[in-house]
Amino acid sequence: MKKSILKTVGIVVFAVVSMVSCSSDDSDGGNGGGSIDAAVGTFKGTFEVLDGPNAGQDYFDATLIITKVSNTELRMTPKSGEAYSNLTPKTIKVYNLGGDILVDGDAPAGTFAYRASSKALLALTKQQAATDITFTFSGTKQ
């Protein structure tokens, strides 16, 4: 449980640091406005289940699929047919800040931070319904 909390805190800290460190590069003073397409694709990495019957379970070499819902929203979906496929997919509002794709404000669905230069993704989902099985994901774009 302690490992789970530390990992979750680490992801949140990374996302906040990413937003703060990039904010000085933001020339338009707003939420970027560029395309979020760079974050669309297939990612390989590790899921950690945060709640439900498999809370604390890690799934290594796992696949998360990111699709574009709109110009400001991305959908995170665990690959179907896998042991972790029961994790709840989430749609999250994001924006482009200097090439990095970040969560737009305090999103109720969770946290999303994609660093374009390293193709690294860190995501944390939040529970929005009693049946949600939330997770963290850390991985790279394939």
N, C-alpha and C. Protein backbone atom coordinates (compact mmCIF):
# COMPACT_ATOMS: atom_id res chain seq x y z
N MET A 1 0.83 -1.19 0.00
CA MET A 1 0.00 0.00 0.00
C MET A 1 0.87 1.25 0.00
N LYS A 2 1.95 1.22 0.79
CA LYS A 2 2.84 2.37 0.87
C LYS A 2 3.48 2.63 -0.50
N LYS A 3 3.85 1.54 -1.21
CA LYS A 3 4.42 1.67 -2.55
C LYS A 3 3.43 2.34 -3.50
N SER A 4 2.18 1.96 -3.39
CA SER A 4 1.12 2.52 -4.23
C SER A 4 0.98 4.02 -3.99
N ILE A 5 0.95 4.42 -2.75
CA ILE A 5 0.81 5.83 -2.41
C ILE A 5 2.00 6.62 -2.91
N LEU A 6 3.21 6.09 -2.72
CA LEU A 6 4.41 6.79 -3.17
C LEU A 6 4.43 6.94 -4.68
N LYS A 7 4.03 5.90 -5.41
CA LYS A 7 4.00 5.96 -6.86
C LYS A 7 2.98 7.00 -7.33
N THR A 8 1.82 7.02 -6.70
CA THR A 8 0.77 7.98 -7.05
C THR A 8 1.25 9.40 -6.80
N VAL A 9 1.85 9.62 -5.65
CA VAL A 9 2.39 10.95 -5.33
C VAL A 9 3.46 11.35 -6.35
N GLY A 10 4.30 10.40 -6.74
CA GLY A 10 5.34 10.68 -7.73
C GLY A 10 4.77 11.12 -9.06
N ILE A 11 3.72 10.48 -9.50
CA ILE A 11 3.08 10.85 -10.77
C ILE A 11 2.48 12.24 -10.68
N VAL A 12 1.80 12.53 -9.60
CA VAL A 12 1.19 13.85 -9.43
C VAL A 12 2.27 14.93 -9.38
N VAL A 13 3.35 14.67 -8.65
CA VAL A 13 4.44 15.65 -8.58
C VAL A 13 5.05 15.88 -9.96
N PHE A 14 5.28 14.80 -10.74
CA PHE A 14 5.82 14.95 -12.09
C PHE A 14 4.92 15.82 -12.95
N ALA A 15 3.62 15.58 -12.88
CA ALA A 15 2.68 16.34 -13.69
C ALA A 15 2.69 17.81 -13.31
N VAL A 16 2.71 18.10 -12.01
CA VAL A 16 2.73 19.49 -11.56
C VAL A 16 4.04 20.17 -11.97
N VAL A 17 5.17 19.49 -11.78
CA VAL A 17 6.47 20.05 -12.16
C VAL A 17 6.51 20.30 -13.67
N SER A 18 5.97 19.39 -14.44
CA SER A 18 5.94 19.56 -15.89
C SER A 18 5.17 20.81 -16.28
N MET A 19 4.03 21.01 -15.65
CA MET A 19 3.22 22.18 -15.97
C MET A 19 3.92 23.46 -15.56
N VAL A 20 4.52 23.47 -14.38
CA VAL A 20 5.19 24.66 -13.88
C VAL A 20 6.44 24.96 -14.71
N SER A 21 7.24 23.94 -15.01
CA SER A 21 8.49 24.17 -15.73
C SER A 21 8.23 24.63 -17.16
N CYS A 22 7.13 24.19 -17.74
CA CYS A 22 6.82 24.58 -19.11
C CYS A 22 6.10 25.91 -19.19
N SER A 23 5.54 26.38 -18.08
CA SER A 23 4.73 27.59 -18.14
C SER A 23 5.57 28.81 -18.51
N SER A 24 6.86 28.80 -18.19
CA SER A 24 7.70 29.94 -18.55
C SER A 24 7.96 29.98 -20.05
N ASP A 25 7.76 28.85 -20.75
CA ASP A 25 7.95 28.80 -22.20
C ASP A 25 6.69 29.17 -22.96
N ASP A 26 5.60 29.36 -22.28
CA ASP A 26 4.31 29.61 -22.91
C ASP A 26 4.23 31.07 -23.32
N SER A 27 4.35 31.33 -24.61
CA SER A 27 4.40 32.71 -25.08
C SER A 27 3.03 33.34 -25.20
N ASP A 28 1.95 32.53 -25.32
CA ASP A 28 0.65 33.14 -25.49
C ASP A 28 -0.11 33.31 -24.19
N GLY A 29 0.48 32.84 -23.07
CA GLY A 29 -0.14 33.04 -21.77
C GLY A 29 -1.36 32.19 -21.53
N GLY A 30 -1.74 31.36 -22.49
CA GLY A 30 -2.94 30.54 -22.33
C GLY A 30 -2.60 29.07 -22.32
N ASN A 31 -3.57 28.28 -22.68
CA ASN A 31 -3.39 26.83 -22.69
C ASN A 31 -2.89 26.34 -24.02
N GLY A 32 -1.82 26.90 -24.51
CA GLY A 32 -1.17 26.41 -25.72
C GLY A 32 -2.01 26.62 -26.96
N GLY A 33 -2.89 25.70 -27.23
CA GLY A 33 -3.73 25.83 -28.41
C GLY A 33 -3.25 24.98 -29.57
N GLY A 34 -2.08 24.35 -29.44
CA GLY A 34 -1.57 23.51 -30.51
C GLY A 34 -2.28 22.16 -30.53
N SER A 35 -1.93 21.36 -31.50
CA SER A 35 -2.53 20.05 -31.67
C SER A 35 -2.14 19.10 -30.53
N ILE A 36 -3.08 18.24 -30.17
CA ILE A 36 -2.82 17.22 -29.15
C ILE A 36 -2.52 15.87 -29.78
N ASP A 37 -2.39 15.84 -31.11
CA ASP A 37 -2.20 14.59 -31.85
C ASP A 37 -0.92 13.84 -31.47
N ALA A 38 0.09 14.54 -30.98
CA ALA A 38 1.36 13.88 -30.62
C ALA A 38 1.17 12.81 -29.55
N ALA A 39 0.16 12.97 -28.71
CA ALA A 39 -0.06 12.03 -27.62
C ALA A 39 -0.95 10.85 -28.02
N VAL A 40 -1.44 10.86 -29.26
CA VAL A 40 -2.29 9.77 -29.73
C VAL A 40 -1.42 8.60 -30.17
N GLY A 41 -1.78 7.40 -29.74
CA GLY A 41 -1.02 6.22 -30.16
C GLY A 41 -1.07 5.11 -29.14
N THR A 42 -0.16 4.16 -29.30
CA THR A 42 -0.06 2.99 -28.43
C THR A 42 1.15 3.15 -27.53
N PHE A 43 0.95 2.92 -26.24
CA PHE A 43 2.01 3.06 -25.25
C PHE A 43 2.25 1.73 -24.56
N LYS A 44 3.52 1.43 -24.30
CA LYS A 44 3.91 0.24 -23.54
C LYS A 44 4.47 0.70 -22.21
N GLY A 45 4.08 0.00 -21.14
CA GLY A 45 4.57 0.39 -19.83
C GLY A 45 3.96 -0.44 -18.74
N THR A 46 3.77 0.20 -17.58
CA THR A 46 3.29 -0.50 -16.39
C THR A 46 2.02 0.14 -15.85
N PHE A 47 1.02 -0.71 -15.62
CA PHE A 47 -0.19 -0.30 -14.92
C PHE A 47 -0.02 -0.68 -13.46
N GLU A 48 -0.51 0.16 -12.57
CA GLU A 48 -0.70 -0.21 -11.17
C GLU A 48 -2.16 0.02 -10.86
N VAL A 49 -2.84 -1.02 -10.42
CA VAL A 49 -4.25 -0.93 -10.08
C VAL A 49 -4.37 -0.26 -8.70
N LEU A 50 -5.22 0.77 -8.61
CA LEU A 50 -5.33 1.53 -7.37
C LEU A 50 -6.46 1.06 -6.47
N ASP A 51 -7.49 0.43 -7.03
CA ASP A 51 -8.60 -0.04 -6.21
C ASP A 51 -9.26 -1.25 -6.86
N GLY A 52 -10.31 -1.73 -6.24
CA GLY A 52 -10.98 -2.92 -6.78
C GLY A 52 -10.34 -4.19 -6.26
N PRO A 53 -10.76 -5.31 -6.80
CA PRO A 53 -10.28 -6.61 -6.28
C PRO A 53 -8.78 -6.85 -6.50
N ASN A 54 -8.17 -6.16 -7.45
CA ASN A 54 -6.74 -6.34 -7.72
C ASN A 54 -5.90 -5.14 -7.29
N ALA A 55 -6.39 -4.39 -6.32
CA ALA A 55 -5.66 -3.20 -5.85
C ALA A 55 -4.22 -3.57 -5.49
N GLY A 56 -3.29 -2.75 -5.95
CA GLY A 56 -1.87 -2.99 -5.68
C GLY A 56 -1.19 -3.87 -6.71
N GLN A 57 -1.96 -4.46 -7.60
CA GLN A 57 -1.40 -5.35 -8.64
C GLN A 57 -0.70 -4.50 -9.72
N ASP A 58 0.48 -4.92 -10.10
CA ASP A 58 1.20 -4.27 -11.20
C ASP A 58 1.12 -5.16 -12.43
N TYR A 59 0.95 -4.54 -13.59
CA TYR A 59 0.98 -5.25 -14.87
C TYR A 59 2.09 -4.64 -15.70
N PHE A 60 3.13 -5.43 -15.95
CA PHE A 60 4.30 -4.95 -16.68
C PHE A 60 4.14 -5.26 -18.17
N ASP A 61 4.86 -4.53 -19.02
CA ASP A 61 4.80 -4.71 -20.46
C ASP A 61 3.35 -4.65 -20.96
N ALA A 62 2.60 -3.73 -20.38
CA ALA A 62 1.18 -3.57 -20.68
C ALA A 62 0.99 -2.50 -21.75
N THR A 63 -0.19 -2.51 -22.36
CA THR A 63 -0.48 -1.59 -23.46
C THR A 63 -1.65 -0.68 -23.11
N LEU A 64 -1.45 0.61 -23.29
CA LEU A 64 -2.50 1.62 -23.13
C LEU A 64 -2.66 2.30 -24.47
N ILE A 65 -3.90 2.40 -24.94
CA ILE A 65 -4.18 3.01 -26.23
C ILE A 65 -4.81 4.38 -26.00
N ILE A 66 -4.20 5.40 -26.60
CA ILE A 66 -4.69 6.77 -26.50
C ILE A 66 -5.31 7.16 -27.83
N THR A 67 -6.59 7.56 -27.81
CA THR A 67 -7.28 8.00 -29.02
C THR A 67 -7.78 9.42 -28.82
N LYS A 68 -7.96 10.10 -29.93
CA LYS A 68 -8.44 11.48 -29.91
C LYS A 68 -9.96 11.49 -29.98
N VAL A 69 -10.58 12.15 -29.00
CA VAL A 69 -12.03 12.27 -28.95
C VAL A 69 -12.45 13.58 -29.62
N SER A 70 -11.70 14.64 -29.35
CA SER A 70 -11.96 15.97 -29.92
C SER A 70 -10.64 16.72 -29.93
N ASN A 71 -10.67 17.99 -30.30
CA ASN A 71 -9.43 18.79 -30.33
C ASN A 71 -8.89 19.08 -28.93
N THR A 72 -9.69 18.77 -27.90
CA THR A 72 -9.25 19.03 -26.52
C THR A 72 -9.38 17.82 -25.61
N GLU A 73 -9.76 16.66 -26.15
CA GLU A 73 -9.95 15.49 -25.30
C GLU A 73 -9.29 14.24 -25.87
N LEU A 74 -8.69 13.46 -24.96
CA LEU A 74 -8.09 12.18 -25.31
C LEU A 74 -8.75 11.09 -24.47
N ARG A 75 -8.80 9.88 -25.02
CA ARG A 75 -9.36 8.73 -24.29
C ARG A 75 -8.26 7.72 -24.04
N MET A 76 -8.13 7.31 -22.77
CA MET A 76 -7.15 6.31 -22.35
C MET A 76 -7.88 4.98 -22.19
N THR A 77 -7.47 3.96 -22.96
CA THR A 77 -8.14 2.66 -22.92
C THR A 77 -7.10 1.55 -22.79
N PRO A 78 -7.17 0.76 -21.73
CA PRO A 78 -6.30 -0.42 -21.64
C PRO A 78 -6.62 -1.38 -22.78
N LYS A 79 -5.60 -2.04 -23.31
CA LYS A 79 -5.78 -2.98 -24.41
C LYS A 79 -6.77 -4.08 -24.03
N SER A 80 -7.67 -4.41 -24.96
CA SER A 80 -8.66 -5.46 -24.69
C SER A 80 -8.02 -6.84 -24.76
N GLY A 81 -8.64 -7.80 -24.09
CA GLY A 81 -8.17 -9.18 -24.11
C GLY A 81 -7.01 -9.47 -23.18
N GLU A 82 -6.68 -8.54 -22.29
CA GLU A 82 -5.56 -8.72 -21.37
C GLU A 82 -6.07 -8.81 -19.93
N ALA A 83 -5.22 -9.25 -19.02
CA ALA A 83 -5.60 -9.39 -17.61
C ALA A 83 -6.02 -8.05 -17.00
N TYR A 84 -5.52 -6.95 -17.53
CA TYR A 84 -5.80 -5.62 -17.01
C TYR A 84 -6.91 -4.90 -17.78
N SER A 85 -7.57 -5.58 -18.70
CA SER A 85 -8.58 -4.95 -19.55
C SER A 85 -9.81 -4.44 -18.79
N ASN A 86 -9.97 -4.89 -17.53
CA ASN A 86 -11.11 -4.42 -16.74
C ASN A 86 -10.88 -3.04 -16.13
N LEU A 87 -9.70 -2.47 -16.29
CA LEU A 87 -9.45 -1.12 -15.79
C LEU A 87 -10.33 -0.15 -16.57
N THR A 88 -10.86 0.85 -15.89
CA THR A 88 -11.85 1.75 -16.48
C THR A 88 -11.21 2.74 -17.45
N PRO A 89 -11.64 2.72 -18.72
CA PRO A 89 -11.17 3.74 -19.68
C PRO A 89 -11.63 5.12 -19.23
N LYS A 90 -10.85 6.14 -19.56
CA LYS A 90 -11.19 7.51 -19.17
C LYS A 90 -10.97 8.46 -20.34
N THR A 91 -11.84 9.46 -20.43
CA THR A 91 -11.68 10.56 -21.37
C THR A 91 -11.28 11.77 -20.54
N ILE A 92 -10.21 12.44 -20.97
CA ILE A 92 -9.66 13.54 -20.18
C ILE A 92 -9.39 14.75 -21.07
N LYS A 93 -9.68 15.93 -20.54
CA LYS A 93 -9.45 17.17 -21.26
C LYS A 93 -7.98 17.56 -21.11
N VAL A 94 -7.32 17.82 -22.25
CA VAL A 94 -5.89 18.13 -22.26
C VAL A 94 -5.61 19.33 -23.15
N TYR A 95 -4.38 19.81 -23.11
CA TYR A 95 -3.94 20.87 -24.01
C TYR A 95 -2.46 20.69 -24.32
N ASN A 96 -2.03 21.35 -25.39
CA ASN A 96 -0.64 21.30 -25.83
C ASN A 96 0.08 22.51 -25.28
N LEU A 97 1.17 22.27 -24.59
CA LEU A 97 1.98 23.35 -24.05
C LEU A 97 3.41 23.16 -24.53
N GLY A 98 3.75 23.80 -25.61
CA GLY A 98 5.10 23.71 -26.14
C GLY A 98 5.47 22.31 -26.62
N GLY A 99 4.50 21.56 -27.11
CA GLY A 99 4.75 20.21 -27.60
C GLY A 99 4.42 19.12 -26.60
N ASP A 100 4.36 19.47 -25.31
CA ASP A 100 3.96 18.50 -24.29
C ASP A 100 2.45 18.58 -24.11
N ILE A 101 1.82 17.44 -23.88
CA ILE A 101 0.38 17.39 -23.72
C ILE A 101 0.08 17.16 -22.25
N LEU A 102 -0.68 18.07 -21.65
CA LEU A 102 -0.93 18.04 -20.22
C LEU A 102 -2.42 18.10 -19.93
N VAL A 103 -2.80 17.66 -18.73
CA VAL A 103 -4.19 17.75 -18.30
C VAL A 103 -4.58 19.22 -18.22
N ASP A 104 -5.81 19.53 -18.60
CA ASP A 104 -6.30 20.90 -18.59
C ASP A 104 -6.99 21.18 -17.26
N GLY A 105 -6.26 21.78 -16.34
CA GLY A 105 -6.82 22.12 -15.04
C GLY A 105 -6.98 20.91 -14.14
N ASP A 106 -7.91 21.00 -13.23
CA ASP A 106 -8.17 19.92 -12.27
C ASP A 106 -9.23 19.00 -12.87
N ALA A 107 -8.79 18.11 -13.74
CA ALA A 107 -9.72 17.24 -14.46
C ALA A 107 -10.30 16.19 -13.52
N PRO A 108 -11.61 16.02 -13.55
CA PRO A 108 -12.23 15.02 -12.67
C PRO A 108 -11.86 13.59 -13.04
N ALA A 109 -11.43 13.36 -14.28
CA ALA A 109 -11.08 12.01 -14.73
C ALA A 109 -9.68 11.59 -14.30
N GLY A 110 -8.81 12.56 -13.99
CA GLY A 110 -7.46 12.21 -13.57
C GLY A 110 -6.39 13.16 -14.06
N THR A 111 -5.17 12.66 -14.12
CA THR A 111 -4.00 13.44 -14.52
C THR A 111 -3.37 12.79 -15.75
N PHE A 112 -2.87 13.62 -16.65
CA PHE A 112 -2.27 13.14 -17.89
C PHE A 112 -1.08 14.04 -18.21
N ALA A 113 0.09 13.46 -18.40
CA ALA A 113 1.27 14.23 -18.76
C ALA A 113 2.08 13.45 -19.79
N TYR A 114 2.14 13.99 -21.01
CA TYR A 114 2.91 13.37 -22.10
C TYR A 114 4.03 14.32 -22.48
N ARG A 115 5.26 13.84 -22.39
CA ARG A 115 6.43 14.64 -22.77
C ARG A 115 6.86 14.21 -24.15
N ALA A 116 6.70 15.09 -25.13
CA ALA A 116 6.96 14.78 -26.53
C ALA A 116 8.42 14.41 -26.79
N SER A 117 9.35 15.09 -26.15
CA SER A 117 10.77 14.86 -26.43
C SER A 117 11.22 13.44 -26.08
N SER A 118 10.65 12.85 -25.06
CA SER A 118 11.03 11.49 -24.65
C SER A 118 9.94 10.46 -24.95
N LYS A 119 8.81 10.93 -25.45
CA LYS A 119 7.63 10.08 -25.73
C LYS A 119 7.16 9.35 -24.47
N ALA A 120 7.35 9.99 -23.32
CA ALA A 120 6.98 9.38 -22.03
C ALA A 120 5.60 9.86 -21.59
N LEU A 121 4.82 8.93 -21.05
CA LEU A 121 3.48 9.23 -20.56
C LEU A 121 3.36 8.80 -19.11
N LEU A 122 2.80 9.68 -18.30
CA LEU A 122 2.42 9.36 -16.94
C LEU A 122 0.95 9.72 -16.80
N ALA A 123 0.14 8.79 -16.34
CA ALA A 123 -1.29 9.04 -16.19
C ALA A 123 -1.78 8.45 -14.88
N LEU A 124 -2.76 9.11 -14.31
CA LEU A 124 -3.41 8.68 -13.08
C LEU A 124 -4.90 8.92 -13.26
N THR A 125 -5.70 7.87 -13.11
CA THR A 125 -7.15 8.06 -13.24
C THR A 125 -7.78 8.22 -11.88
N LYS A 126 -8.93 8.92 -11.86
CA LYS A 126 -9.68 9.13 -10.62
C LYS A 126 -11.02 8.41 -10.72
N GLN A 127 -11.52 8.04 -9.57
CA GLN A 127 -12.82 7.36 -9.54
C GLN A 127 -13.93 8.39 -9.72
N GLN A 128 -14.81 8.13 -10.70
CA GLN A 128 -15.95 8.99 -10.97
C GLN A 128 -17.27 8.26 -10.77
N ALA A 129 -17.22 6.94 -10.63
CA ALA A 129 -18.40 6.12 -10.38
C ALA A 129 -17.99 4.97 -9.47
N ALA A 130 -18.96 4.41 -8.77
CA ALA A 130 -18.68 3.34 -7.82
C ALA A 130 -18.03 2.12 -8.48
N THR A 131 -18.29 1.91 -9.75
CA THR A 131 -17.75 0.73 -10.45
C THR A 131 -16.40 0.97 -11.11
N ASP A 132 -15.89 2.20 -11.07
CA ASP A 132 -14.59 2.50 -11.68
C ASP A 132 -13.46 1.74 -11.00
N ILE A 133 -12.56 1.21 -11.81
CA ILE A 133 -11.31 0.63 -11.31
C ILE A 133 -10.21 1.55 -11.82
N THR A 134 -9.62 2.30 -10.91
CA THR A 134 -8.64 3.33 -11.29
C THR A 134 -7.23 2.75 -11.35
N PHE A 135 -6.35 3.51 -12.01
CA PHE A 135 -4.99 3.02 -12.21
C PHE A 135 -4.02 4.16 -12.43
N THR A 136 -2.73 3.83 -12.30
CA THR A 136 -1.67 4.69 -12.79
C THR A 136 -1.05 3.95 -13.96
N PHE A 137 -0.49 4.73 -14.88
CA PHE A 137 0.23 4.14 -16.01
C PHE A 137 1.47 4.98 -16.27
N SER A 138 2.58 4.29 -16.46
CA SER A 138 3.84 4.92 -16.80
C SER A 138 4.43 4.15 -17.97
N GLY A 139 4.67 4.84 -19.10
CA GLY A 139 5.20 4.13 -20.25
C GLY A 139 5.66 5.05 -21.36
N THR A 140 6.02 4.46 -22.49
CA THR A 140 6.50 5.22 -23.63
C THR A 140 5.72 4.86 -24.89
N LYS A 141 5.66 5.82 -25.79
CA LYS A 141 4.95 5.65 -27.05
C LYS A 141 5.72 4.70 -27.96
N GLN A 142 5.00 3.81 -28.61
CA GLN A 142 5.62 2.83 -29.50
C GLN A 142 5.65 3.34 -30.92
